[in-house]
């Protein structure tokens, strides 16, 4: 288990933060329709993490694996 999979959402407090590779096809479908999709290129958004409870988008890159 990585630190990313146990990160807590700052908006709703959920532990359902996921990276692009952890999400299902349905979750990716929703993410592609979130408001921030217009601000970032698709490849950049794949580096973000998302709360699958409230759909908060953490724009911090996966390169910072700090808990």
N, C-alpha and C. Protein backbone atom coordinates (compact mmCIF):
# COMPACT_ATOMS: atom_id res chain seq x y z
N UNK A 1 0.85 -1.18 0.00
CA UNK A 1 0.00 0.00 0.00
C UNK A 1 0.89 1.24 0.00
N UNK A 2 0.58 2.18 -0.88
CA UNK A 2 1.37 3.40 -0.97
C UNK A 2 0.74 4.50 -0.12
N UNK A 3 1.52 5.53 0.12
CA UNK A 3 1.00 6.68 0.86
C UNK A 3 -0.17 7.33 0.14
N UNK A 4 -0.16 7.27 -1.20
CA UNK A 4 -1.22 7.89 -1.98
C UNK A 4 -2.57 7.25 -1.72
N UNK A 5 -2.61 5.95 -1.49
CA UNK A 5 -3.88 5.27 -1.34
C UNK A 5 -4.52 5.51 0.03
N UNK A 6 -3.78 6.10 0.98
CA UNK A 6 -4.36 6.35 2.29
C UNK A 6 -4.48 7.85 2.59
N UNK A 7 -4.22 8.69 1.61
CA UNK A 7 -4.34 10.13 1.80
C UNK A 7 -5.81 10.49 2.04
N UNK A 8 -6.03 11.45 2.91
CA UNK A 8 -7.38 11.88 3.26
C UNK A 8 -7.76 13.12 2.45
N UNK A 9 -8.96 13.14 1.93
CA UNK A 9 -9.47 14.25 1.15
C UNK A 9 -9.60 15.49 2.04
N UNK A 10 -9.04 16.63 1.61
CA UNK A 10 -9.15 17.84 2.42
C UNK A 10 -10.55 18.45 2.40
N UNK A 11 -11.37 18.08 1.43
CA UNK A 11 -12.72 18.64 1.33
C UNK A 11 -13.73 17.87 2.19
N UNK A 12 -13.75 16.54 2.05
CA UNK A 12 -14.80 15.76 2.73
C UNK A 12 -14.28 14.81 3.80
N UNK A 13 -12.96 14.65 3.91
CA UNK A 13 -12.39 13.78 4.93
C UNK A 13 -12.37 12.30 4.56
N UNK A 14 -12.77 11.98 3.36
CA UNK A 14 -12.80 10.59 2.90
C UNK A 14 -11.39 10.08 2.63
N UNK A 15 -11.22 8.78 2.73
CA UNK A 15 -9.95 8.16 2.39
C UNK A 15 -10.02 7.54 1.00
N UNK A 16 -10.88 8.07 0.16
CA UNK A 16 -11.09 7.52 -1.18
C UNK A 16 -10.33 8.31 -2.25
N UNK A 17 -9.14 8.80 -1.91
CA UNK A 17 -8.30 9.51 -2.88
C UNK A 17 -7.62 8.46 -3.76
N UNK A 18 -7.73 8.64 -5.08
CA UNK A 18 -7.14 7.68 -6.01
C UNK A 18 -6.35 8.39 -7.09
N UNK A 19 -5.31 7.72 -7.54
CA UNK A 19 -4.57 8.21 -8.70
C UNK A 19 -5.28 7.70 -9.96
N UNK A 20 -4.86 8.19 -11.11
CA UNK A 20 -5.48 7.81 -12.38
C UNK A 20 -5.46 6.29 -12.57
N UNK A 21 -4.33 5.67 -12.25
CA UNK A 21 -4.18 4.23 -12.49
C UNK A 21 -5.03 3.39 -11.53
N UNK A 22 -5.44 3.95 -10.42
CA UNK A 22 -6.25 3.21 -9.45
C UNK A 22 -7.75 3.28 -9.74
N UNK A 23 -8.15 4.21 -10.61
CA UNK A 23 -9.57 4.41 -10.88
C UNK A 23 -10.13 3.42 -11.90
N UNK A 24 -11.42 3.17 -11.77
CA UNK A 24 -12.12 2.31 -12.73
C UNK A 24 -12.46 3.14 -13.97
N UNK A 25 -12.92 2.50 -15.00
CA UNK A 25 -13.31 3.19 -16.23
C UNK A 25 -14.45 4.18 -15.96
N UNK A 26 -15.39 3.81 -15.11
CA UNK A 26 -16.51 4.71 -14.78
C UNK A 26 -16.02 5.94 -14.03
N UNK A 27 -15.08 5.77 -13.10
CA UNK A 27 -14.54 6.90 -12.36
C UNK A 27 -13.77 7.84 -13.29
N UNK A 28 -13.02 7.29 -14.22
CA UNK A 28 -12.29 8.11 -15.19
C UNK A 28 -13.27 8.89 -16.07
N UNK A 29 -14.39 8.28 -16.42
CA UNK A 29 -15.42 8.94 -17.21
C UNK A 29 -15.92 10.19 -16.48
N UNK A 30 -16.18 10.07 -15.18
CA UNK A 30 -16.65 11.21 -14.39
C UNK A 30 -15.56 12.28 -14.30
N UNK A 31 -14.33 11.86 -14.02
CA UNK A 31 -13.21 12.79 -13.87
C UNK A 31 -13.01 13.62 -15.14
N UNK A 32 -13.17 13.02 -16.29
CA UNK A 32 -12.98 13.73 -17.55
C UNK A 32 -14.03 14.82 -17.77
N UNK A 33 -15.08 14.82 -16.99
CA UNK A 33 -16.14 15.80 -17.12
C UNK A 33 -16.17 16.82 -15.97
N UNK A 34 -15.20 16.75 -15.08
CA UNK A 34 -15.12 17.72 -13.99
C UNK A 34 -14.67 19.08 -14.52
N UNK A 35 -14.99 20.15 -13.81
CA UNK A 35 -14.66 21.50 -14.28
C UNK A 35 -13.17 21.73 -14.58
N UNK A 36 -12.26 21.13 -13.84
CA UNK A 36 -10.84 21.36 -14.07
C UNK A 36 -10.34 20.72 -15.36
N UNK A 37 -11.17 19.93 -16.00
CA UNK A 37 -10.73 19.27 -17.24
C UNK A 37 -10.40 20.28 -18.32
N UNK A 38 -10.97 21.46 -18.27
CA UNK A 38 -10.68 22.50 -19.26
C UNK A 38 -9.38 23.23 -18.95
N UNK A 39 -8.93 23.17 -17.71
CA UNK A 39 -7.72 23.90 -17.29
C UNK A 39 -6.43 23.12 -17.52
N UNK A 40 -6.50 21.80 -17.54
CA UNK A 40 -5.31 20.97 -17.67
C UNK A 40 -5.43 20.03 -18.85
N UNK A 41 -4.30 19.75 -19.47
CA UNK A 41 -4.28 18.74 -20.54
C UNK A 41 -4.53 17.37 -19.92
N UNK A 42 -5.02 16.45 -20.73
CA UNK A 42 -5.36 15.12 -20.23
C UNK A 42 -4.14 14.41 -19.60
N UNK A 43 -2.99 14.53 -20.22
CA UNK A 43 -1.78 13.89 -19.69
C UNK A 43 -1.40 14.48 -18.33
N UNK A 44 -1.59 15.77 -18.16
CA UNK A 44 -1.30 16.41 -16.87
C UNK A 44 -2.28 15.93 -15.80
N UNK A 45 -3.54 15.78 -16.17
CA UNK A 45 -4.56 15.35 -15.20
C UNK A 45 -4.32 13.92 -14.73
N UNK A 46 -3.65 13.12 -15.54
CA UNK A 46 -3.34 11.75 -15.12
C UNK A 46 -2.36 11.73 -13.96
N UNK A 47 -1.71 12.86 -13.70
CA UNK A 47 -0.79 12.97 -12.57
C UNK A 47 -1.51 13.42 -11.30
N UNK A 48 -2.74 13.88 -11.43
CA UNK A 48 -3.51 14.35 -10.29
C UNK A 48 -4.13 13.18 -9.53
N UNK A 49 -4.62 13.48 -8.33
CA UNK A 49 -5.36 12.49 -7.55
C UNK A 49 -6.77 13.01 -7.33
N UNK A 50 -7.71 12.09 -7.20
CA UNK A 50 -9.12 12.45 -7.13
C UNK A 50 -9.82 11.74 -5.97
N UNK A 51 -10.73 12.45 -5.31
CA UNK A 51 -11.56 11.83 -4.28
C UNK A 51 -12.78 11.27 -4.98
N UNK A 52 -13.01 9.98 -4.86
CA UNK A 52 -14.15 9.37 -5.53
C UNK A 52 -15.44 9.50 -4.72
N UNK A 53 -15.38 10.25 -3.64
CA UNK A 53 -16.59 10.53 -2.87
C UNK A 53 -17.17 11.90 -3.23
N UNK A 54 -16.32 12.96 -3.21
CA UNK A 54 -16.81 14.31 -3.50
C UNK A 54 -16.21 14.87 -4.80
N UNK A 55 -15.33 14.14 -5.45
CA UNK A 55 -14.68 14.49 -6.70
C UNK A 55 -13.75 15.69 -6.60
N UNK A 56 -13.16 15.88 -5.42
CA UNK A 56 -12.10 16.87 -5.24
C UNK A 56 -10.91 16.45 -6.09
N UNK A 57 -10.29 17.41 -6.77
CA UNK A 57 -9.13 17.11 -7.60
C UNK A 57 -7.89 17.72 -6.97
N UNK A 58 -6.95 16.87 -6.60
CA UNK A 58 -5.68 17.30 -6.03
C UNK A 58 -4.70 17.46 -7.18
N UNK A 59 -4.35 18.71 -7.50
CA UNK A 59 -3.49 18.98 -8.65
C UNK A 59 -2.02 18.82 -8.34
N UNK A 60 -1.68 18.33 -7.16
CA UNK A 60 -0.29 18.06 -6.82
C UNK A 60 0.18 16.84 -7.58
N UNK A 61 1.33 16.94 -8.19
CA UNK A 61 1.87 15.84 -9.01
C UNK A 61 2.17 14.62 -8.16
N UNK A 62 2.04 13.42 -8.75
CA UNK A 62 2.39 12.17 -8.09
C UNK A 62 3.87 12.09 -7.76
N UNK A 63 4.67 13.00 -8.31
CA UNK A 63 6.10 12.99 -8.04
C UNK A 63 6.40 13.33 -6.60
N UNK A 64 5.46 13.94 -5.89
CA UNK A 64 5.66 14.28 -4.48
C UNK A 64 4.94 13.24 -3.63
N UNK A 65 5.55 12.12 -3.40
CA UNK A 65 4.95 11.02 -2.67
C UNK A 65 5.04 11.22 -1.17
N UNK A 66 4.80 12.43 -0.72
CA UNK A 66 4.87 12.73 0.70
C UNK A 66 3.48 12.60 1.30
N UNK A 67 3.37 11.89 2.41
CA UNK A 67 2.07 11.67 3.06
C UNK A 67 1.56 12.94 3.72
